[in-house]
Amino acid sequence: MSSTMDLRYEALQRLGFEGTTSDMLLQYWRSQGGVGEHINDVWFSALGVLGRTEATLTDRWYAYLASLGYEGHVWDAEFLYWSNL
C-alpha cells in the first residue's frame, strides 16, 4: 500500500510539477491562487481562494477536504485527495 507521501509526490509529478515534494507543494498551492513565501502561508491563502474561511490551516484543510466529499480523519481524507488527483 502506498503512503500519503508517496501518493502526493506522484500526483504532483503527474500534474507537471518538479523538484522536491516541498517545492512541488509550493508550486501546486500557488497554482491554486495561494500567495506568500512559506508553504503554510501559500497553502492557507490558496484554501481561502478556494472558499475556506476557517481560522487555522488545519481547519481549512479539513473543511476543504470535507467539501470535496472526503470523510473521516484528516489523514484518511488527505490520502484519498492525493489518490484522486
C-alpha atoms as a PDB file:
ATOM      1  CA  MET A   1       0.000   0.000   0.000  1.00  0.00           C
ATOM      2  CA  SER A   2       1.258   3.462  -0.858  1.00  0.00           C
ATOM      3  CA  SER A   3       1.732   6.118   1.777  1.00  0.00           C
ATOM      4  CA  THR A   4       0.174   9.556   1.601  1.00  0.00           C
ATOM      5  CA  MET A   5       3.639  10.992   0.999  1.00  0.00           C
ATOM      6  CA  ASP A   6       4.177   8.684  -1.981  1.00  0.00           C
ATOM      7  CA  LEU A   7       0.748   9.444  -3.445  1.00  0.00           C
ATOM      8  CA  ARG A   8       1.236  13.183  -3.006  1.00  0.00           C
ATOM      9  CA  TYR A   9       4.660  13.075  -4.705  1.00  0.00           C
ATOM     10  CA  GLU A  10       3.332  11.020  -7.626  1.00  0.00           C
ATOM     11  CA  ALA A  11       0.237  13.216  -8.051  1.00  0.00           C
ATOM     12  CA  LEU A  12       2.311  16.396  -8.115  1.00  0.00           C
ATOM     13  CA  GLN A  13       4.643  14.906 -10.703  1.00  0.00           C
ATOM     14  CA  ARG A  14       1.667  13.823 -12.851  1.00  0.00           C
ATOM     15  CA  LEU A  15       0.432  17.408 -12.707  1.00  0.00           C
ATOM     16  CA  GLY A  16       3.767  18.526 -14.156  1.00  0.00           C
ATOM     17  CA  PHE A  17       5.459  19.946 -11.073  1.00  0.00           C
ATOM     18  CA  GLU A  18       9.163  19.313 -10.496  1.00  0.00           C
ATOM     19  CA  GLY A  19      11.609  19.323  -7.625  1.00  0.00           C
ATOM     20  CA  THR A  20      11.327  18.131  -4.069  1.00  0.00           C
ATOM     21  CA  THR A  21       7.945  17.450  -2.534  1.00  0.00           C
ATOM     22  CA  SER A  22       8.146  20.789  -0.726  1.00  0.00           C
ATOM     23  CA  ASP A  23       8.959  22.602  -3.974  1.00  0.00           C
ATOM     24  CA  MET A  24       6.099  20.884  -5.775  1.00  0.00           C
ATOM     25  CA  LEU A  25       3.627  21.613  -2.965  1.00  0.00           C
ATOM     26  CA  LEU A  26       4.589  25.282  -3.080  1.00  0.00           C
ATOM     27  CA  GLN A  27       4.074  25.298  -6.862  1.00  0.00           C
ATOM     28  CA  TYR A  28       0.767  23.428  -6.542  1.00  0.00           C
ATOM     29  CA  TRP A  29      -0.743  25.754  -3.942  1.00  0.00           C
ATOM     30  CA  ARG A  30       0.463  28.799  -5.889  1.00  0.00           C
ATOM     31  CA  SER A  31      -1.282  27.368  -8.959  1.00  0.00           C
ATOM     32  CA  GLN A  32      -4.456  27.293  -6.841  1.00  0.00           C
ATOM     33  CA  GLY A  33      -4.125  31.013  -6.111  1.00  0.00           C
ATOM     34  CA  GLY A  34      -2.004  30.938  -2.977  1.00  0.00           C
ATOM     35  CA  VAL A  35       0.416  33.730  -2.199  1.00  0.00           C
ATOM     36  CA  GLY A  36       3.288  34.095   0.233  1.00  0.00           C
ATOM     37  CA  GLU A  37       6.837  32.960   0.775  1.00  0.00           C
ATOM     38  CA  HIS A  38       6.350  29.974   3.066  1.00  0.00           C
ATOM     39  CA  ILE A  39       4.448  26.810   2.204  1.00  0.00           C
ATOM     40  CA  ASN A  40       1.944  27.105   5.054  1.00  0.00           C
ATOM     41  CA  ASP A  41       1.144  30.719   4.131  1.00  0.00           C
ATOM     42  CA  VAL A  42       0.674  29.823   0.468  1.00  0.00           C
ATOM     43  CA  TRP A  43      -1.434  26.769   1.360  1.00  0.00           C
ATOM     44  CA  PHE A  44      -3.577  28.792   3.796  1.00  0.00           C
ATOM     45  CA  SER A  45      -4.202  31.562   1.269  1.00  0.00           C
ATOM     46  CA  ALA A  46      -4.936  29.082  -1.552  1.00  0.00           C
ATOM     47  CA  LEU A  47      -7.598  27.434   0.584  1.00  0.00           C
ATOM     48  CA  GLY A  48      -9.033  30.906   1.158  1.00  0.00           C
ATOM     49  CA  VAL A  49      -9.217  31.442  -2.599  1.00  0.00           C
ATOM     50  CA  LEU A  50     -10.994  28.085  -2.780  1.00  0.00           C
ATOM     51  CA  GLY A  51     -13.662  29.402  -0.402  1.00  0.00           C
ATOM     52  CA  ARG A  52     -12.472  28.308   3.033  1.00  0.00           C
ATOM     53  CA  THR A  53     -12.661  30.871   5.843  1.00  0.00           C
ATOM     54  CA  GLU A  54     -11.648  28.844   8.887  1.00  0.00           C
ATOM     55  CA  ALA A  55      -9.057  30.455  11.182  1.00  0.00           C
ATOM     56  CA  THR A  56      -6.322  27.791  11.043  1.00  0.00           C
ATOM     57  CA  LEU A  57      -4.638  25.886   8.231  1.00  0.00           C
ATOM     58  CA  THR A  58      -5.639  22.536   9.705  1.00  0.00           C
ATOM     59  CA  ASP A  59      -9.283  23.576   9.978  1.00  0.00           C
ATOM     60  CA  ARG A  60      -9.293  24.989   6.441  1.00  0.00           C
ATOM     61  CA  TRP A  61      -7.670  21.870   5.034  1.00  0.00           C
ATOM     62  CA  TYR A  62     -10.094  19.544   6.812  1.00  0.00           C
ATOM     63  CA  ALA A  63     -13.108  21.643   5.757  1.00  0.00           C
ATOM     64  CA  TYR A  64     -11.865  21.794   2.166  1.00  0.00           C
ATOM     65  CA  LEU A  65     -11.421  18.025   2.039  1.00  0.00           C
ATOM     66  CA  ALA A  66     -14.900  17.561   3.543  1.00  0.00           C
ATOM     67  CA  SER A  67     -16.358  19.940   0.933  1.00  0.00           C
ATOM     68  CA  LEU A  68     -14.995  17.586  -1.733  1.00  0.00           C
ATOM     69  CA  GLY A  69     -16.733  14.635  -0.090  1.00  0.00           C
ATOM     70  CA  TYR A  70     -13.767  13.144   1.761  1.00  0.00           C
ATOM     71  CA  GLU A  71     -14.733  11.931   5.219  1.00  0.00           C
ATOM     72  CA  GLY A  72     -13.093  10.547   8.309  1.00  0.00           C
ATOM     73  CA  HIS A  73      -9.831  11.583   9.896  1.00  0.00           C
ATOM     74  CA  VAL A  74      -7.938  14.330   8.087  1.00  0.00           C
ATOM     75  CA  TRP A  75      -5.105  11.900   7.291  1.00  0.00           C
ATOM     76  CA  ASP A  76      -7.536   9.484   5.640  1.00  0.00           C
ATOM     77  CA  ALA A  77      -9.196  12.294   3.709  1.00  0.00           C
ATOM     78  CA  GLU A  78      -5.813  13.614   2.558  1.00  0.00           C
ATOM     79  CA  PHE A  79      -4.804  10.126   1.404  1.00  0.00           C
ATOM     80  CA  LEU A  80      -7.917   9.997  -0.790  1.00  0.00           C
ATOM     81  CA  TYR A  81      -7.384  13.556  -2.055  1.00  0.00           C
ATOM     82  CA  TRP A  82      -3.917  12.814  -3.393  1.00  0.00           C
ATOM     83  CA  SER A  83      -5.058   9.407  -4.683  1.00  0.00           C
ATOM     84  CA  ASN A  84      -7.678  11.087  -6.857  1.00  0.00           C
ATOM     85  CA  LEU A  85      -5.650  13.942  -8.326  1.00  0.00           C
END
